[in-house]
PDB file of all heavy atoms in Angstrom:
ATOM      1  N   TYR A   1     -27.783 -39.814 -49.517  1.00  0.00           N
ATOM      2  CA  TYR A   1     -27.840 -38.777 -48.493  1.00  0.00           C
ATOM      3  C   TYR A   1     -27.907 -39.400 -47.107  1.00  0.00           C
ATOM      4  O   TYR A   1     -28.553 -40.427 -46.895  1.00  0.00           O
ATOM      5  CB  TYR A   1     -29.060 -37.880 -48.715  1.00  0.00           C
ATOM      6  CG  TYR A   1     -29.027 -37.149 -50.036  1.00  0.00           C
ATOM      7  CD1 TYR A   1     -29.579 -37.732 -51.178  1.00  0.00           C
ATOM      8  CD2 TYR A   1     -28.412 -35.913 -50.156  1.00  0.00           C
ATOM      9  CE1 TYR A   1     -29.527 -37.081 -52.403  1.00  0.00           C
ATOM     10  CE2 TYR A   1     -28.362 -35.255 -51.370  1.00  0.00           C
ATOM     11  CZ  TYR A   1     -28.915 -35.845 -52.489  1.00  0.00           C
ATOM     12  OH  TYR A   1     -28.857 -35.199 -53.701  1.00  0.00           O
ATOM     13  N   GLN A   2     -27.217 -38.742 -46.156  1.00  0.00           N
ATOM     14  CA  GLN A   2     -27.281 -39.185 -44.768  1.00  0.00           C
ATOM     15  C   GLN A   2     -28.596 -38.789 -44.107  1.00  0.00           C
ATOM     16  O   GLN A   2     -29.041 -39.419 -43.166  1.00  0.00           O
ATOM     17  CB  GLN A   2     -26.117 -38.594 -43.949  1.00  0.00           C
ATOM     18  CG  GLN A   2     -24.777 -39.256 -44.187  1.00  0.00           C
ATOM     19  CD  GLN A   2     -24.111 -38.701 -45.441  1.00  0.00           C
ATOM     20  OE1 GLN A   2     -24.294 -37.538 -45.778  1.00  0.00           O
ATOM     21  NE2 GLN A   2     -23.337 -39.524 -46.115  1.00  0.00           N
ATOM     22  N   LEU A   3     -29.200 -37.713 -44.605  1.00  0.00           N
ATOM     23  CA  LEU A   3     -30.437 -37.227 -44.013  1.00  0.00           C
ATOM     24  C   LEU A   3     -31.349 -36.679 -45.097  1.00  0.00           C
ATOM     25  O   LEU A   3     -30.909 -35.908 -45.938  1.00  0.00           O
ATOM     26  CB  LEU A   3     -30.140 -36.120 -42.988  1.00  0.00           C
ATOM     27  CG  LEU A   3     -31.348 -35.489 -42.286  1.00  0.00           C
ATOM     28  CD1 LEU A   3     -32.041 -36.515 -41.402  1.00  0.00           C
ATOM     29  CD2 LEU A   3     -30.922 -34.281 -41.462  1.00  0.00           C
ATOM     30  N   VAL A   4     -32.595 -37.099 -45.071  1.00  0.00           N
ATOM     31  CA  VAL A   4     -33.614 -36.562 -45.971  1.00  0.00           C
ATOM     32  C   VAL A   4     -34.698 -35.924 -45.104  1.00  0.00           C
ATOM     33  O   VAL A   4     -35.189 -36.545 -44.156  1.00  0.00           O
ATOM     34  CB  VAL A   4     -34.223 -37.655 -46.862  1.00  0.00           C
ATOM     35  CG1 VAL A   4     -35.384 -37.091 -47.682  1.00  0.00           C
ATOM     36  CG2 VAL A   4     -33.161 -38.242 -47.791  1.00  0.00           C
ATOM     37  N   VAL A   5     -35.043 -34.683 -45.403  1.00  0.00           N
ATOM     38  CA  VAL A   5     -36.065 -33.955 -44.652  1.00  0.00           C
ATOM     39  C   VAL A   5     -37.325 -33.837 -45.503  1.00  0.00           C
ATOM     40  O   VAL A   5     -37.273 -33.340 -46.628  1.00  0.00           O
ATOM     41  CB  VAL A   5     -35.561 -32.544 -44.265  1.00  0.00           C
ATOM     42  CG1 VAL A   5     -36.640 -31.786 -43.494  1.00  0.00           C
ATOM     43  CG2 VAL A   5     -34.276 -32.629 -43.441  1.00  0.00           C
ATOM     44  N   ALA A   6     -38.422 -34.324 -44.970  1.00  0.00           N
ATOM     45  CA  ALA A   6     -39.718 -34.202 -45.635  1.00  0.00           C
ATOM     46  C   ALA A   6     -40.671 -33.531 -44.651  1.00  0.00           C
ATOM     47  O   ALA A   6     -41.469 -34.185 -43.980  1.00  0.00           O
ATOM     48  CB  ALA A   6     -40.238 -35.564 -46.068  1.00  0.00           C
ATOM     49  N   ALA A   7     -40.546 -32.221 -44.543  1.00  0.00           N
ATOM     50  CA  ALA A   7     -41.327 -31.446 -43.579  1.00  0.00           C
ATOM     51  C   ALA A   7     -42.618 -30.974 -44.235  1.00  0.00           C
ATOM     52  O   ALA A   7     -42.584 -30.159 -45.151  1.00  0.00           O
ATOM     53  CB  ALA A   7     -40.509 -30.246 -43.085  1.00  0.00           C
ATOM     54  N   ASP A   8     -43.745 -31.497 -43.769  1.00  0.00           N
ATOM     55  CA  ASP A   8     -45.059 -31.122 -44.304  1.00  0.00           C
ATOM     56  C   ASP A   8     -45.108 -31.317 -45.817  1.00  0.00           C
ATOM     57  O   ASP A   8     -45.520 -30.427 -46.564  1.00  0.00           O
ATOM     58  CB  ASP A   8     -45.389 -29.672 -43.945  1.00  0.00           C
ATOM     59  CG  ASP A   8     -45.458 -29.459 -42.442  1.00  0.00           C
ATOM     60  OD1 ASP A   8     -45.660 -30.439 -41.717  1.00  0.00           O
ATOM     61  OD2 ASP A   8     -45.300 -28.310 -41.992  1.00  0.00           O
ATOM     62  N   VAL A   9     -44.696 -32.486 -46.262  1.00  0.00           N
ATOM     63  CA  VAL A   9     -44.641 -32.797 -47.690  1.00  0.00           C
ATOM     64  C   VAL A   9     -45.581 -33.938 -48.060  1.00  0.00           C
ATOM     65  O   VAL A   9     -46.336 -33.844 -49.035  1.00  0.00           O
ATOM     66  CB  VAL A   9     -43.195 -33.152 -48.106  1.00  0.00           C
ATOM     67  CG1 VAL A   9     -43.165 -33.741 -49.509  1.00  0.00           C
ATOM     68  CG2 VAL A   9     -42.298 -31.926 -48.025  1.00  0.00           C
ATOM     69  N   LEU A  10     -45.571 -35.013 -47.289  1.00  0.00           N
ATOM     70  CA  LEU A  10     -46.266 -36.235 -47.702  1.00  0.00           C
ATOM     71  C   LEU A  10     -47.766 -36.052 -47.831  1.00  0.00           C
ATOM     72  O   LEU A  10     -48.409 -36.745 -48.624  1.00  0.00           O
ATOM     73  CB  LEU A  10     -45.950 -37.362 -46.726  1.00  0.00           C
ATOM     74  CG  LEU A  10     -44.486 -37.802 -46.676  1.00  0.00           C
ATOM     75  CD1 LEU A  10     -44.293 -38.891 -45.638  1.00  0.00           C
ATOM     76  CD2 LEU A  10     -44.011 -38.274 -48.049  1.00  0.00           C
ATOM     77  N   GLU A  11     -48.336 -35.122 -47.077  1.00  0.00           N
ATOM     78  CA  GLU A  11     -49.777 -34.882 -47.191  1.00  0.00           C
ATOM     79  C   GLU A  11     -50.143 -34.134 -48.468  1.00  0.00           C
ATOM     80  O   GLU A  11     -51.330 -34.001 -48.801  1.00  0.00           O
ATOM     81  CB  GLU A  11     -50.288 -34.108 -45.965  1.00  0.00           C
ATOM     82  CG  GLU A  11     -49.746 -32.711 -45.825  1.00  0.00           C
ATOM     83  CD  GLU A  11     -48.446 -32.634 -45.045  1.00  0.00           C
ATOM     84  OE1 GLU A  11     -47.759 -33.681 -44.925  1.00  0.00           O
ATOM     85  OE2 GLU A  11     -48.119 -31.551 -44.549  1.00  0.00           O
ATOM     86  N   HIS A  12     -49.126 -33.660 -49.211  1.00  0.00           N
ATOM     87  CA  HIS A  12     -49.371 -32.914 -50.447  1.00  0.00           C
ATOM     88  C   HIS A  12     -49.206 -33.760 -51.706  1.00  0.00           C
ATOM     89  O   HIS A  12     -49.386 -33.251 -52.810  1.00  0.00           O
ATOM     90  CB  HIS A  12     -48.425 -31.707 -50.525  1.00  0.00           C
ATOM     91  CG  HIS A  12     -48.712 -30.650 -49.509  1.00  0.00           C
ATOM     92  ND1 HIS A  12     -49.656 -29.658 -49.693  1.00  0.00           N
ATOM     93  CD2 HIS A  12     -48.172 -30.435 -48.278  1.00  0.00           C
ATOM     94  CE1 HIS A  12     -49.689 -28.879 -48.635  1.00  0.00           C
ATOM     95  NE2 HIS A  12     -48.810 -29.318 -47.752  1.00  0.00           N
ATOM     96  N   VAL A  13     -48.827 -35.028 -51.555  1.00  0.00           N
ATOM     97  CA  VAL A  13     -48.632 -35.878 -52.731  1.00  0.00           C
ATOM     98  C   VAL A  13     -49.666 -36.995 -52.740  1.00  0.00           C
ATOM     99  O   VAL A  13     -50.113 -37.464 -51.690  1.00  0.00           O
ATOM    100  CB  VAL A  13     -47.204 -36.464 -52.788  1.00  0.00           C
ATOM    101  CG1 VAL A  13     -46.173 -35.359 -52.926  1.00  0.00           C
ATOM    102  CG2 VAL A  13     -46.907 -37.318 -51.569  1.00  0.00           C
ATOM    103  N   ARG A  14     -50.017 -37.435 -53.941  1.00  0.00           N
ATOM    104  CA  ARG A  14     -51.072 -38.431 -54.069  1.00  0.00           C
ATOM    105  C   ARG A  14     -50.621 -39.825 -53.644  1.00  0.00           C
ATOM    106  O   ARG A  14     -51.430 -40.621 -53.174  1.00  0.00           O
ATOM    107  CB  ARG A  14     -51.573 -38.475 -55.521  1.00  0.00           C
ATOM    108  CG  ARG A  14     -52.320 -37.216 -55.951  1.00  0.00           C
ATOM    109  CD  ARG A  14     -52.995 -37.404 -57.306  1.00  0.00           C
ATOM    110  NE  ARG A  14     -52.041 -37.661 -58.365  1.00  0.00           N
ATOM    111  CZ  ARG A  14     -51.464 -36.706 -59.091  1.00  0.00           C
ATOM    112  NH1 ARG A  14     -51.745 -35.435 -58.865  1.00  0.00           N
ATOM    113  NH2 ARG A  14     -50.612 -37.008 -60.053  1.00  0.00           N
ATOM    114  N   ASP A  15     -49.342 -40.130 -53.815  1.00  0.00           N
ATOM    115  CA  ASP A  15     -48.844 -41.464 -53.482  1.00  0.00           C
ATOM    116  C   ASP A  15     -47.629 -41.335 -52.560  1.00  0.00           C
ATOM    117  O   ASP A  15     -46.486 -41.489 -53.004  1.00  0.00           O
ATOM    118  CB  ASP A  15     -48.469 -42.212 -54.768  1.00  0.00           C
ATOM    119  CG  ASP A  15     -48.192 -43.688 -54.519  1.00  0.00           C
ATOM    120  OD1 ASP A  15     -48.131 -44.098 -53.352  1.00  0.00           O
ATOM    121  OD2 ASP A  15     -48.032 -44.434 -55.507  1.00  0.00           O
ATOM    122  N   PRO A  16     -47.845 -41.059 -51.273  1.00  0.00           N
ATOM    123  CA  PRO A  16     -46.704 -40.893 -50.355  1.00  0.00           C
ATOM    124  C   PRO A  16     -45.883 -42.162 -50.188  1.00  0.00           C
ATOM    125  O   PRO A  16     -44.685 -42.086 -49.917  1.00  0.00           O
ATOM    126  CB  PRO A  16     -47.372 -40.474 -49.040  1.00  0.00           C
ATOM    127  CG  PRO A  16     -48.785 -40.928 -49.148  1.00  0.00           C
ATOM    128  CD  PRO A  16     -49.139 -40.847 -50.595  1.00  0.00           C
ATOM    129  N   ALA A  17     -46.502 -43.338 -50.363  1.00  0.00           N
ATOM    130  CA  ALA A  17     -45.740 -44.579 -50.249  1.00  0.00           C
ATOM    131  C   ALA A  17     -44.672 -44.662 -51.335  1.00  0.00           C
ATOM    132  O   ALA A  17     -43.539 -45.091 -51.089  1.00  0.00           O
ATOM    133  CB  ALA A  17     -46.682 -45.776 -50.335  1.00  0.00           C
ATOM    134  N   ARG A  18     -45.035 -44.241 -52.540  1.00  0.00           N
ATOM    135  CA  ARG A  18     -44.063 -44.248 -53.633  1.00  0.00           C
ATOM    136  C   ARG A  18     -42.915 -43.289 -53.352  1.00  0.00           C
ATOM    137  O   ARG A  18     -41.742 -43.617 -53.572  1.00  0.00           O
ATOM    138  CB  ARG A  18     -44.745 -43.865 -54.930  1.00  0.00           C
ATOM    139  CG  ARG A  18     -43.776 -43.705 -56.099  1.00  0.00           C
ATOM    140  CD  ARG A  18     -44.453 -43.119 -57.321  1.00  0.00           C
ATOM    141  NE  ARG A  18     -43.494 -42.879 -58.388  1.00  0.00           N
ATOM    142  CZ  ARG A  18     -43.796 -42.302 -59.546  1.00  0.00           C
ATOM    143  NH1 ARG A  18     -45.042 -41.928 -59.786  1.00  0.00           N
ATOM    144  NH2 ARG A  18     -42.880 -42.108 -60.464  1.00  0.00           N
ATOM    145  N   LEU A  19     -43.242 -42.105 -52.833  1.00  0.00           N
ATOM    146  CA  LEU A  19     -42.208 -41.121 -52.539  1.00  0.00           C
ATOM    147  C   LEU A  19     -41.279 -41.620 -51.447  1.00  0.00           C
ATOM    148  O   LEU A  19     -40.054 -41.477 -51.546  1.00  0.00           O
ATOM    149  CB  LEU A  19     -42.841 -39.797 -52.134  1.00  0.00           C
ATOM    150  CG  LEU A  19     -41.877 -38.639 -51.852  1.00  0.00           C
ATOM    151  CD1 LEU A  19     -40.998 -38.355 -53.069  1.00  0.00           C
ATOM    152  CD2 LEU A  19     -42.643 -37.382 -51.447  1.00  0.00           C
ATOM    153  N   LEU A  20     -41.832 -42.254 -50.409  1.00  0.00           N
ATOM    154  CA  LEU A  20     -40.983 -42.809 -49.357  1.00  0.00           C
ATOM    155  C   LEU A  20     -40.088 -43.921 -49.898  1.00  0.00           C
ATOM    156  O   LEU A  20     -38.931 -44.061 -49.483  1.00  0.00           O
ATOM    157  CB  LEU A  20     -41.843 -43.341 -48.214  1.00  0.00           C
ATOM    158  CG  LEU A  20     -42.409 -42.311 -47.240  1.00  0.00           C
ATOM    159  CD1 LEU A  20     -43.349 -42.986 -46.243  1.00  0.00           C
ATOM    160  CD2 LEU A  20     -41.293 -41.571 -46.510  1.00  0.00           C
ATOM    161  N   GLY A  21     -40.615 -44.700 -50.839  1.00  0.00           N
ATOM    162  CA  GLY A  21     -39.788 -45.734 -51.465  1.00  0.00           C
ATOM    163  C   GLY A  21     -38.632 -45.143 -52.243  1.00  0.00           C
ATOM    164  O   GLY A  21     -37.502 -45.652 -52.191  1.00  0.00           O
ATOM    165  N   ASP A  22     -38.883 -44.041 -52.952  1.00  0.00           N
ATOM    166  CA  ASP A  22     -37.813 -43.358 -53.677  1.00  0.00           C
ATOM    167  C   ASP A  22     -36.769 -42.808 -52.707  1.00  0.00           C
ATOM    168  O   ASP A  22     -35.556 -42.884 -52.962  1.00  0.00           O
ATOM    169  CB  ASP A  22     -38.384 -42.199 -54.506  1.00  0.00           C
ATOM    170  CG  ASP A  22     -39.152 -42.684 -55.729  1.00  0.00           C
ATOM    171  OD1 ASP A  22     -39.127 -43.892 -56.006  1.00  0.00           O
ATOM    172  OD2 ASP A  22     -39.785 -41.841 -56.397  1.00  0.00           O
ATOM    173  N   VAL A  23     -37.246 -42.242 -51.613  1.00  0.00           N
ATOM    174  CA  VAL A  23     -36.327 -41.704 -50.607  1.00  0.00           C
ATOM    175  C   VAL A  23     -35.449 -42.814 -50.039  1.00  0.00           C
ATOM    176  O   VAL A  23     -34.229 -42.648 -49.877  1.00  0.00           O
ATOM    177  CB  VAL A  23     -37.127 -41.012 -49.477  1.00  0.00           C
ATOM    178  CG1 VAL A  23     -36.241 -40.747 -48.267  1.00  0.00           C
ATOM    179  CG2 VAL A  23     -37.738 -39.705 -49.977  1.00  0.00           C
ATOM    180  N   ARG A  24     -36.046 -43.943 -49.747  1.00  0.00           N
ATOM    181  CA  ARG A  24     -35.288 -45.074 -49.187  1.00  0.00           C
ATOM    182  C   ARG A  24     -34.169 -45.497 -50.135  1.00  0.00           C
ATOM    183  O   ARG A  24     -33.070 -45.853 -49.698  1.00  0.00           O
ATOM    184  CB  ARG A  24     -36.247 -46.240 -48.925  1.00  0.00           C
ATOM    185  CG  ARG A  24     -35.672 -47.361 -48.086  1.00  0.00           C
ATOM    186  CD  ARG A  24     -36.768 -48.377 -47.748  1.00  0.00           C
ATOM    187  NE  ARG A  24     -36.289 -49.376 -46.823  1.00  0.00           N
ATOM    188  CZ  ARG A  24     -35.665 -50.495 -47.183  1.00  0.00           C
ATOM    189  NH1 ARG A  24     -35.462 -50.741 -48.469  1.00  0.00           N
ATOM    190  NH2 ARG A  24     -35.260 -51.355 -46.282  1.00  0.00           N
ATOM    191  N   ALA A  25     -34.434 -45.448 -51.423  1.00  0.00           N
ATOM    192  CA  ALA A  25     -33.435 -45.861 -52.410  1.00  0.00           C
ATOM    193  C   ALA A  25     -32.254 -44.907 -52.457  1.00  0.00           C
ATOM    194  O   ALA A  25     -31.179 -45.277 -52.945  1.00  0.00           O
ATOM    195  CB  ALA A  25     -34.084 -45.969 -53.782  1.00  0.00           C
ATOM    196  N   HIS A  26     -32.433 -43.671 -51.973  1.00  0.00           N
ATOM    197  CA  HIS A  26     -31.366 -42.676 -52.028  1.00  0.00           C
ATOM    198  C   HIS A  26     -30.708 -42.437 -50.675  1.00  0.00           C
ATOM    199  O   HIS A  26     -29.913 -41.499 -50.534  1.00  0.00           O
ATOM    200  CB  HIS A  26     -31.906 -41.353 -52.575  1.00  0.00           C
ATOM    201  CG  HIS A  26     -32.163 -41.380 -54.049  1.00  0.00           C
ATOM    202  ND1 HIS A  26     -31.151 -41.252 -54.986  1.00  0.00           N
ATOM    203  CD2 HIS A  26     -33.307 -41.543 -54.753  1.00  0.00           C
ATOM    204  CE1 HIS A  26     -31.670 -41.321 -56.202  1.00  0.00           C
ATOM    205  NE2 HIS A  26     -32.978 -41.502 -56.088  1.00  0.00           N
ATOM    206  N   LEU A  27     -31.022 -43.258 -49.674  1.00  0.00           N
ATOM    207  CA  LEU A  27     -30.388 -43.106 -48.369  1.00  0.00           C
ATOM    208  C   LEU A  27     -29.029 -43.799 -48.344  1.00  0.00           C
ATOM    209  O   LEU A  27     -28.891 -44.938 -48.807  1.00  0.00           O
ATOM    210  CB  LEU A  27     -31.262 -43.700 -47.271  1.00  0.00           C
ATOM    211  CG  LEU A  27     -32.391 -42.851 -46.707  1.00  0.00           C
ATOM    212  CD1 LEU A  27     -33.100 -43.623 -45.600  1.00  0.00           C
ATOM    213  CD2 LEU A  27     -31.891 -41.509 -46.189  1.00  0.00           C
ATOM    214  N   ALA A  28     -28.044 -43.123 -47.795  1.00  0.00           N
ATOM    215  CA  ALA A  28     -26.745 -43.743 -47.575  1.00  0.00           C
ATOM    216  C   ALA A  28     -26.861 -44.736 -46.417  1.00  0.00           C
ATOM    217  O   ALA A  28     -27.822 -44.678 -45.632  1.00  0.00           O
ATOM    218  CB  ALA A  28     -25.711 -42.667 -47.245  1.00  0.00           C
ATOM    219  N   PRO A  29     -25.918 -45.664 -46.291  1.00  0.00           N
ATOM    220  CA  PRO A  29     -25.947 -46.582 -45.147  1.00  0.00           C
ATOM    221  C   PRO A  29     -26.002 -45.801 -43.835  1.00  0.00           C
ATOM    222  O   PRO A  29     -25.237 -44.868 -43.621  1.00  0.00           O
ATOM    223  CB  PRO A  29     -24.630 -47.351 -45.288  1.00  0.00           C
ATOM    224  CG  PRO A  29     -24.344 -47.322 -46.761  1.00  0.00           C
ATOM    225  CD  PRO A  29     -24.818 -45.979 -47.223  1.00  0.00           C
ATOM    226  N   GLY A  30     -26.917 -46.180 -42.967  1.00  0.00           N
ATOM    227  CA  GLY A  30     -27.088 -45.473 -41.701  1.00  0.00           C
ATOM    228  C   GLY A  30     -27.885 -44.195 -41.820  1.00  0.00           C
ATOM    229  O   GLY A  30     -28.016 -43.454 -40.844  1.00  0.00           O
ATOM    230  N   GLY A  31     -28.438 -43.916 -43.013  1.00  0.00           N
ATOM    231  CA  GLY A  31     -29.170 -42.674 -43.232  1.00  0.00           C
ATOM    232  C   GLY A  31     -30.495 -42.636 -42.497  1.00  0.00           C
ATOM    233  O   GLY A  31     -31.042 -43.664 -42.093  1.00  0.00           O
TER     234      GLY A  31
END
């Protein structure tokens, strides 16, 4: 994906670092 939106999400998960790592793996170049 070129853009990932996480609006008021990370404060609701127990391991936001893991979720951000997953998001990074799904970013297209320049995302």
